[in-house]
Amino acid sequence: MKLIKRIWRFLWKTVMWFFIISVGLTIIYRFVPVPVTPLMVIRLFEQTFDSEKKVRLSKDWVPISEISKNAPQAVIAAEDQKFLDHHGFDFEAMKKAWEGNKKGKRIKGASTITQQTVKNVFLWPSRSYVRKGLEAYFTVLVELIWSKERIIEVYLNVIEMGDGIYGIEAAAQNYYNKPAIKLNRNEAAMIAAVLPNPIRWNPKKPTAYIIGRQGWILRQMNNLAPVGFGN
């Protein structure tokens, strides 16, 4: 009995400390720039042990006021058009993805921008049920504690946008030799077009598929009401 009590006490303390730390981090990142993400560290290790790759970490945090309004408009049009309306989960998209997977079809992922932000800031790349459970937990936390503007600001600063390139400022400088606040609609849409696989695709050398995707994103940007973020 004593052993069982010790185990329960240990588990209870572990859960409580996890809750305290996770809530604390979420509150801190509500106000403080995210210095590094697990994916950045993983990519650095991959580059270090791959003789064909150059070790590179290009990132430069900028506030939403120093990001062109075209960038939030483009990523929301491309990745999550219901971003302003949902509370972290797009259940309709999740249902379609589930039904498509059962039929063996390739369906666009159902992850919202909030979920993608959570995966980048707090978690590691994985498809395990544990990771999915933690993703759901942090998604609820972020939606409760952060504003929508803060979510899109963090997303645009930490998301992978190329090999060793993270965030919209680094992407704008690397691909177009300009700051993020100067990005025009075509450039923002091109960057958004490669987000599903920024290691494979490059805005500087777009394939026919990426050019077509850019065109689709531009049309969606026109159809969406202005999201109101950026400058």
C-alpha atoms as a PDB file:
ATOM      1  CA  MET A   1       0.000   0.000   0.000  1.00  0.00           C
ATOM      2  CA  LYS A   2       2.830   2.397   0.850  1.00  0.00           C
ATOM      3  CA  LEU A   3       4.390   1.801  -2.571  1.00  0.00           C
ATOM      4  CA  ILE A   4       1.094   2.543  -4.322  1.00  0.00           C
ATOM      5  CA  LYS A   5       0.677   5.742  -2.304  1.00  0.00           C
ATOM      6  CA  ARG A   6       4.206   6.826  -3.207  1.00  0.00           C
ATOM      7  CA  ILE A   7       3.553   6.188  -6.881  1.00  0.00           C
ATOM      8  CA  TRP A   8       0.301   8.166  -6.776  1.00  0.00           C
ATOM      9  CA  ARG A   9       2.013  10.984  -4.880  1.00  0.00           C
ATOM     10  CA  PHE A  10       4.806  11.073  -7.452  1.00  0.00           C
ATOM     11  CA  LEU A  11       2.340  11.086 -10.366  1.00  0.00           C
ATOM     12  CA  TRP A  12       0.253  13.810  -8.724  1.00  0.00           C
ATOM     13  CA  LYS A  13       3.306  16.004  -8.158  1.00  0.00           C
ATOM     14  CA  THR A  14       4.468  15.417 -11.740  1.00  0.00           C
ATOM     15  CA  VAL A  15       1.088  16.454 -13.136  1.00  0.00           C
ATOM     16  CA  MET A  16       0.926  19.523 -10.896  1.00  0.00           C
ATOM     17  CA  TRP A  17       4.436  20.662 -11.825  1.00  0.00           C
ATOM     18  CA  PHE A  18       3.704  20.117 -15.509  1.00  0.00           C
ATOM     19  CA  PHE A  19       0.538  22.200 -15.171  1.00  0.00           C
ATOM     20  CA  ILE A  20       2.345  25.007 -13.337  1.00  0.00           C
ATOM     21  CA  ILE A  21       5.270  25.099 -15.795  1.00  0.00           C
ATOM     22  CA  SER A  22       3.072  24.881 -18.903  1.00  0.00           C
ATOM     23  CA  VAL A  23       0.745  27.657 -17.741  1.00  0.00           C
ATOM     24  CA  GLY A  24       3.733  29.749 -16.652  1.00  0.00           C
ATOM     25  CA  LEU A  25       5.463  29.386 -20.028  1.00  0.00           C
ATOM     26  CA  THR A  26       2.266  30.214 -21.879  1.00  0.00           C
ATOM     27  CA  ILE A  27       1.842  33.384 -19.817  1.00  0.00           C
ATOM     28  CA  ILE A  28       5.495  34.384 -20.331  1.00  0.00           C
ATOM     29  CA  TYR A  29       5.280  33.883 -24.104  1.00  0.00           C
ATOM     30  CA  ARG A  30       2.155  36.026 -24.142  1.00  0.00           C
ATOM     31  CA  PHE A  31       4.517  38.972 -23.663  1.00  0.00           C
ATOM     32  CA  VAL A  32       8.090  37.798 -24.356  1.00  0.00           C
ATOM     33  CA  PRO A  33       9.559  36.781 -27.754  1.00  0.00           C
ATOM     34  CA  VAL A  34      10.113  33.036 -28.105  1.00  0.00           C
ATOM     35  CA  PRO A  35      13.933  32.665 -28.122  1.00  0.00           C
ATOM     36  CA  VAL A  36      14.169  29.194 -29.690  1.00  0.00           C
ATOM     37  CA  THR A  37      11.876  26.285 -30.549  1.00  0.00           C
ATOM     38  CA  PRO A  38      12.391  22.510 -30.343  1.00  0.00           C
ATOM     39  CA  LEU A  39      12.292  22.274 -34.158  1.00  0.00           C
ATOM     40  CA  MET A  40      15.111  24.818 -34.476  1.00  0.00           C
ATOM     41  CA  VAL A  41      17.282  22.702 -32.161  1.00  0.00           C
ATOM     42  CA  ILE A  42      16.412  19.494 -34.039  1.00  0.00           C
ATOM     43  CA  ARG A  43      17.256  21.079 -37.395  1.00  0.00           C
ATOM     44  CA  LEU A  44      20.596  22.322 -36.029  1.00  0.00           C
ATOM     45  CA  PHE A  45      21.500  18.779 -34.965  1.00  0.00           C
ATOM     46  CA  GLU A  46      20.459  17.433 -38.383  1.00  0.00           C
ATOM     47  CA  GLN A  47      22.606  20.032 -40.137  1.00  0.00           C
ATOM     48  CA  THR A  48      25.570  19.362 -37.839  1.00  0.00           C
ATOM     49  CA  PHE A  49      25.644  15.656 -38.662  1.00  0.00           C
ATOM     50  CA  ASP A  50      24.866  16.028 -42.378  1.00  0.00           C
ATOM     51  CA  SER A  51      28.040  16.785 -44.323  1.00  0.00           C
ATOM     52  CA  GLU A  52      25.996  18.037 -47.291  1.00  0.00           C
ATOM     53  CA  LYS A  53      24.248  20.727 -45.258  1.00  0.00           C
ATOM     54  CA  LYS A  54      25.501  24.014 -43.883  1.00  0.00           C
ATOM     55  CA  VAL A  55      24.736  24.770 -40.234  1.00  0.00           C
ATOM     56  CA  ARG A  56      22.357  27.698 -40.350  1.00  0.00           C
ATOM     57  CA  LEU A  57      19.896  29.414 -38.024  1.00  0.00           C
ATOM     58  CA  SER A  58      18.461  32.578 -39.544  1.00  0.00           C
ATOM     59  CA  LYS A  59      15.792  34.241 -37.416  1.00  0.00           C
ATOM     60  CA  ASP A  60      14.948  37.767 -36.350  1.00  0.00           C
ATOM     61  CA  TRP A  61      11.948  38.456 -34.122  1.00  0.00           C
ATOM     62  CA  VAL A  62       9.848  41.457 -35.133  1.00  0.00           C
ATOM     63  CA  PRO A  63       6.604  42.720 -33.550  1.00  0.00           C
ATOM     64  CA  ILE A  64       3.399  42.521 -35.558  1.00  0.00           C
ATOM     65  CA  SER A  65       3.600  46.301 -36.085  1.00  0.00           C
ATOM     66  CA  GLU A  66       6.746  45.714 -38.173  1.00  0.00           C
ATOM     67  CA  ILE A  67       5.178  43.062 -40.394  1.00  0.00           C
ATOM     68  CA  SER A  68       3.341  43.876 -43.606  1.00  0.00           C
ATOM     69  CA  LYS A  69      -0.416  43.319 -43.382  1.00  0.00           C
ATOM     70  CA  ASN A  70      -0.009  41.136 -46.476  1.00  0.00           C
ATOM     71  CA  ALA A  71       1.798  38.423 -44.476  1.00  0.00           C
ATOM     72  CA  PRO A  72      -0.994  37.656 -41.958  1.00  0.00           C
ATOM     73  CA  GLN A  73      -3.548  37.905 -44.757  1.00  0.00           C
ATOM     74  CA  ALA A  74      -1.575  35.408 -46.853  1.00  0.00           C
ATOM     75  CA  VAL A  75      -0.941  32.776 -44.169  1.00  0.00           C
ATOM     76  CA  ILE A  76      -4.532  32.918 -42.915  1.00  0.00           C
ATOM     77  CA  ALA A  77      -5.795  32.576 -46.499  1.00  0.00           C
ATOM     78  CA  ALA A  78      -3.438  29.648 -47.088  1.00  0.00           C
ATOM     79  CA  GLU A  79      -3.504  27.786 -43.789  1.00  0.00           C
ATOM     80  CA  ASP A  80      -6.572  28.628 -41.714  1.00  0.00           C
ATOM     81  CA  GLN A  81      -9.346  30.790 -43.136  1.00  0.00           C
ATOM     82  CA  LYS A  82     -11.489  30.331 -40.012  1.00  0.00           C
ATOM     83  CA  PHE A  83      -8.687  31.519 -37.726  1.00  0.00           C
ATOM     84  CA  LEU A  84     -10.599  34.529 -36.402  1.00  0.00           C
ATOM     85  CA  ASP A  85     -13.760  32.506 -35.749  1.00  0.00           C
ATOM     86  CA  HIS A  86     -12.644  29.265 -34.082  1.00  0.00           C
ATOM     87  CA  HIS A  87     -11.181  28.662 -30.627  1.00  0.00           C
ATOM     88  CA  GLY A  88      -8.145  26.696 -31.733  1.00  0.00           C
ATOM     89  CA  PHE A  89      -9.820  23.742 -33.456  1.00  0.00           C
ATOM     90  CA  ASP A  90     -11.520  23.533 -36.844  1.00  0.00           C
ATOM     91  CA  PHE A  91     -13.837  20.591 -36.233  1.00  0.00           C
ATOM     92  CA  GLU A  92     -15.289  20.663 -39.752  1.00  0.00           C
ATOM     93  CA  ALA A  93     -11.805  20.367 -41.289  1.00  0.00           C
ATOM     94  CA  MET A  94     -10.923  17.632 -38.789  1.00  0.00           C
ATOM     95  CA  LYS A  95     -14.010  15.666 -39.815  1.00  0.00           C
ATOM     96  CA  LYS A  96     -13.154  15.996 -43.522  1.00  0.00           C
ATOM     97  CA  ALA A  97      -9.554  14.925 -42.876  1.00  0.00           C
ATOM     98  CA  TRP A  98     -10.739  11.918 -40.857  1.00  0.00           C
ATOM     99  CA  GLU A  99     -13.186  10.822 -43.550  1.00  0.00           C
ATOM    100  CA  GLY A 100     -10.567  11.347 -46.252  1.00  0.00           C
ATOM    101  CA  ASN A 101      -8.000   9.278 -44.368  1.00  0.00           C
ATOM    102  CA  LYS A 102     -10.484   6.426 -44.008  1.00  0.00           C
ATOM    103  CA  LYS A 103     -11.005   6.453 -47.779  1.00  0.00           C
ATOM    104  CA  GLY A 104      -7.267   6.581 -48.424  1.00  0.00           C
ATOM    105  CA  LYS A 105      -7.397  10.059 -49.924  1.00  0.00           C
ATOM    106  CA  ARG A 106      -4.768  12.742 -49.418  1.00  0.00           C
ATOM    107  CA  ILE A 107      -6.586  15.535 -47.617  1.00  0.00           C
ATOM    108  CA  LYS A 108      -5.105  18.875 -46.563  1.00  0.00           C
ATOM    109  CA  GLY A 109      -4.169  18.818 -42.887  1.00  0.00           C
ATOM    110  CA  ALA A 110      -6.746  20.050 -40.390  1.00  0.00           C
ATOM    111  CA  SER A 111      -4.277  21.828 -38.087  1.00  0.00           C
ATOM    112  CA  THR A 112      -5.214  25.418 -37.359  1.00  0.00           C
ATOM    113  CA  ILE A 113      -2.696  28.239 -37.075  1.00  0.00           C
ATOM    114  CA  THR A 114      -3.044  27.994 -33.289  1.00  0.00           C
ATOM    115  CA  GLN A 115      -2.196  24.287 -33.383  1.00  0.00           C
ATOM    116  CA  GLN A 116       0.750  24.893 -35.713  1.00  0.00           C
ATOM    117  CA  THR A 117       2.025  27.613 -33.368  1.00  0.00           C
ATOM    118  CA  VAL A 118       1.725  25.272 -30.389  1.00  0.00           C
ATOM    119  CA  LYS A 119       3.576  22.487 -32.226  1.00  0.00           C
ATOM    120  CA  ASN A 120       6.438  24.841 -33.018  1.00  0.00           C
ATOM    121  CA  VAL A 121       6.735  26.650 -29.683  1.00  0.00           C
ATOM    122  CA  PHE A 122       6.084  23.915 -27.114  1.00  0.00           C
ATOM    123  CA  LEU A 123       6.363  20.501 -28.773  1.00  0.00           C
ATOM    124  CA  TRP A 124       8.413  18.288 -31.055  1.00  0.00           C
ATOM    125  CA  PRO A 125       7.685  16.838 -34.541  1.00  0.00           C
ATOM    126  CA  SER A 126       5.817  13.577 -34.030  1.00  0.00           C
ATOM    127  CA  ARG A 127       2.553  11.821 -34.859  1.00  0.00           C
ATOM    128  CA  SER A 128       2.143  10.010 -31.543  1.00  0.00           C
ATOM    129  CA  TYR A 129      -1.052  10.125 -29.491  1.00  0.00           C
ATOM    130  CA  VAL A 130       0.903  11.634 -26.590  1.00  0.00           C
ATOM    131  CA  ARG A 131       2.049  14.536 -28.774  1.00  0.00           C
ATOM    132  CA  LYS A 132      -1.483  14.999 -30.104  1.00  0.00           C
ATOM    133  CA  GLY A 133      -2.858  15.084 -26.568  1.00  0.00           C
ATOM    134  CA  LEU A 134      -0.302  17.678 -25.481  1.00  0.00           C
ATOM    135  CA  GLU A 135      -1.039  19.682 -28.620  1.00  0.00           C
ATOM    136  CA  ALA A 136      -4.734  19.815 -27.732  1.00  0.00           C
ATOM    137  CA  TYR A 137      -3.909  20.845 -24.151  1.00  0.00           C
ATOM    138  CA  PHE A 138      -1.556  23.664 -25.189  1.00  0.00           C
ATOM    139  CA  THR A 139      -3.984  24.798 -27.902  1.00  0.00           C
ATOM    140  CA  VAL A 140      -6.657  25.371 -25.259  1.00  0.00           C
ATOM    141  CA  LEU A 141      -4.140  27.203 -23.038  1.00  0.00           C
ATOM    142  CA  VAL A 142      -2.934  29.459 -25.847  1.00  0.00           C
ATOM    143  CA  GLU A 143      -6.450  30.337 -26.982  1.00  0.00           C
ATOM    144  CA  LEU A 144      -7.384  31.212 -23.388  1.00  0.00           C
ATOM    145  CA  ILE A 145      -4.279  33.276 -22.577  1.00  0.00           C
ATOM    146  CA  TRP A 146      -3.140  34.814 -25.879  1.00  0.00           C
ATOM    147  CA  SER A 147      -5.028  37.143 -28.191  1.00  0.00           C
ATOM    148  CA  LYS A 148      -5.510  36.214 -31.845  1.00  0.00           C
ATOM    149  CA  GLU A 149      -3.066  38.968 -32.757  1.00  0.00           C
ATOM    150  CA  ARG A 150      -0.439  37.477 -30.438  1.00  0.00           C
ATOM    151  CA  ILE A 151      -0.969  34.006 -31.912  1.00  0.00           C
ATOM    152  CA  ILE A 152      -0.398  35.246 -35.463  1.00  0.00           C
ATOM    153  CA  GLU A 153       2.584  37.338 -34.302  1.00  0.00           C
ATOM    154  CA  VAL A 154       4.277  34.322 -32.705  1.00  0.00           C
ATOM    155  CA  TYR A 155       3.373  32.092 -35.660  1.00  0.00           C
ATOM    156  CA  LEU A 156       4.940  34.499 -38.148  1.00  0.00           C
ATOM    157  CA  ASN A 157       8.099  34.710 -36.049  1.00  0.00           C
ATOM    158  CA  VAL A 158       8.799  31.034 -35.318  1.00  0.00           C
ATOM    159  CA  ILE A 159       7.419  29.041 -38.256  1.00  0.00           C
ATOM    160  CA  GLU A 160       9.954  27.293 -40.502  1.00  0.00           C
ATOM    161  CA  MET A 161      10.120  29.105 -43.852  1.00  0.00           C
ATOM    162  CA  GLY A 162      13.162  27.503 -45.430  1.00  0.00           C
ATOM    163  CA  ASP A 163      16.268  25.462 -44.664  1.00  0.00           C
ATOM    164  CA  GLY A 164      17.533  27.161 -41.501  1.00  0.00           C
ATOM    165  CA  ILE A 165      15.142  30.088 -42.021  1.00  0.00           C
ATOM    166  CA  TYR A 166      12.552  30.848 -39.333  1.00  0.00           C
ATOM    167  CA  GLY A 167      10.024  33.636 -39.265  1.00  0.00           C
ATOM    168  CA  ILE A 168       8.763  36.173 -41.750  1.00  0.00           C
ATOM    169  CA  GLU A 169      11.569  38.706 -41.196  1.00  0.00           C
ATOM    170  CA  ALA A 170      14.305  36.172 -41.977  1.00  0.00           C
ATOM    171  CA  ALA A 171      12.298  34.903 -44.964  1.00  0.00           C
ATOM    172  CA  ALA A 172      11.784  38.417 -46.356  1.00  0.00           C
ATOM    173  CA  GLN A 173      15.480  39.238 -45.978  1.00  0.00           C
ATOM    174  CA  ASN A 174      16.710  35.933 -47.438  1.00  0.00           C
ATOM    175  CA  TYR A 175      14.296  35.695 -50.367  1.00  0.00           C
ATOM    176  CA  TYR A 176      13.576  39.327 -51.253  1.00  0.00           C
ATOM    177  CA  ASN A 177      16.329  41.384 -49.571  1.00  0.00           C
ATOM    178  CA  LYS A 178      13.818  43.528 -47.732  1.00  0.00           C
ATOM    179  CA  PRO A 179      12.252  43.736 -44.248  1.00  0.00           C
ATOM    180  CA  ALA A 180       8.973  41.982 -43.538  1.00  0.00           C
ATOM    181  CA  ILE A 181       7.086  45.265 -43.387  1.00  0.00           C
ATOM    182  CA  LYS A 182       7.875  45.857 -47.088  1.00  0.00           C
ATOM    183  CA  LEU A 183       6.483  42.549 -48.404  1.00  0.00           C
ATOM    184  CA  ASN A 184       3.913  42.981 -51.149  1.00  0.00           C
ATOM    185  CA  ARG A 185       0.954  40.674 -51.799  1.00  0.00           C
ATOM    186  CA  ASN A 186       2.733  38.493 -54.364  1.00  0.00           C
ATOM    187  CA  GLU A 187       5.769  37.977 -52.125  1.00  0.00           C
ATOM    188  CA  ALA A 188       3.688  37.217 -49.031  1.00  0.00           C
ATOM    189  CA  ALA A 189       1.576  34.739 -51.008  1.00  0.00           C
ATOM    190  CA  MET A 190       4.701  33.036 -52.392  1.00  0.00           C
ATOM    191  CA  ILE A 191       6.156  32.578 -48.900  1.00  0.00           C
ATOM    192  CA  ALA A 192       2.811  31.226 -47.675  1.00  0.00           C
ATOM    193  CA  ALA A 193       2.706  28.855 -50.648  1.00  0.00           C
ATOM    194  CA  VAL A 194       5.812  26.944 -49.510  1.00  0.00           C
ATOM    195  CA  LEU A 195       4.802  26.588 -45.836  1.00  0.00           C
ATOM    196  CA  PRO A 196       3.521  22.999 -46.121  1.00  0.00           C
ATOM    197  CA  ASN A 197       7.097  21.914 -46.959  1.00  0.00           C
ATOM    198  CA  PRO A 198       9.605  24.800 -46.742  1.00  0.00           C
ATOM    199  CA  ILE A 199      12.601  22.445 -46.926  1.00  0.00           C
ATOM    200  CA  ARG A 200      11.476  21.030 -50.270  1.00  0.00           C
ATOM    201  CA  TRP A 201      10.137  24.236 -51.855  1.00  0.00           C
ATOM    202  CA  ASN A 202      11.862  27.587 -52.265  1.00  0.00           C
ATOM    203  CA  PRO A 203      10.148  30.935 -53.016  1.00  0.00           C
ATOM    204  CA  LYS A 204      13.180  31.924 -55.099  1.00  0.00           C
ATOM    205  CA  LYS A 205      12.802  28.863 -57.335  1.00  0.00           C
ATOM    206  CA  PRO A 206       9.076  28.101 -57.395  1.00  0.00           C
ATOM    207  CA  THR A 207       7.833  25.026 -59.204  1.00  0.00           C
ATOM    208  CA  ALA A 208       4.748  25.139 -61.414  1.00  0.00           C
ATOM    209  CA  TYR A 209       2.778  23.721 -58.489  1.00  0.00           C
ATOM    210  CA  ILE A 210       3.959  26.475 -56.124  1.00  0.00           C
ATOM    211  CA  ILE A 211       3.188  29.184 -58.690  1.00  0.00           C
ATOM    212  CA  GLY A 212      -0.309  27.743 -59.022  1.00  0.00           C
ATOM    213  CA  ARG A 213      -0.664  27.605 -55.247  1.00  0.00           C
ATOM    214  CA  GLN A 214       0.478  31.228 -54.995  1.00  0.00           C
ATOM    215  CA  GLY A 215      -2.254  32.210 -57.452  1.00  0.00           C
ATOM    216  CA  TRP A 216      -4.853  30.344 -55.394  1.00  0.00           C
ATOM    217  CA  ILE A 217      -3.668  32.078 -52.197  1.00  0.00           C
ATOM    218  CA  LEU A 218      -3.889  35.498 -53.870  1.00  0.00           C
ATOM    219  CA  ARG A 219      -7.488  34.780 -54.866  1.00  0.00           C
ATOM    220  CA  GLN A 220      -8.297  33.664 -51.324  1.00  0.00           C
ATOM    221  CA  MET A 221      -6.677  36.833 -49.949  1.00  0.00           C
ATOM    222  CA  ASN A 222      -9.017  38.865 -52.138  1.00  0.00           C
ATOM    223  CA  ASN A 223     -12.039  36.864 -50.987  1.00  0.00           C
ATOM    224  CA  LEU A 224     -11.218  37.222 -47.281  1.00  0.00           C
ATOM    225  CA  ALA A 225     -12.081  40.370 -45.386  1.00  0.00           C
ATOM    226  CA  PRO A 226      -8.954  42.198 -44.142  1.00  0.00           C
ATOM    227  CA  VAL A 227      -7.776  40.352 -41.021  1.00  0.00           C
ATOM    228  CA  GLY A 228      -6.589  43.559 -39.391  1.00  0.00           C
ATOM    229  CA  PHE A 229      -3.118  42.418 -38.317  1.00  0.00           C
ATOM    230  CA  GLY A 230       0.175  43.914 -39.456  1.00  0.00           C
ATOM    231  CA  ASN A 231       1.011  47.311 -40.865  1.00  0.00           C
END
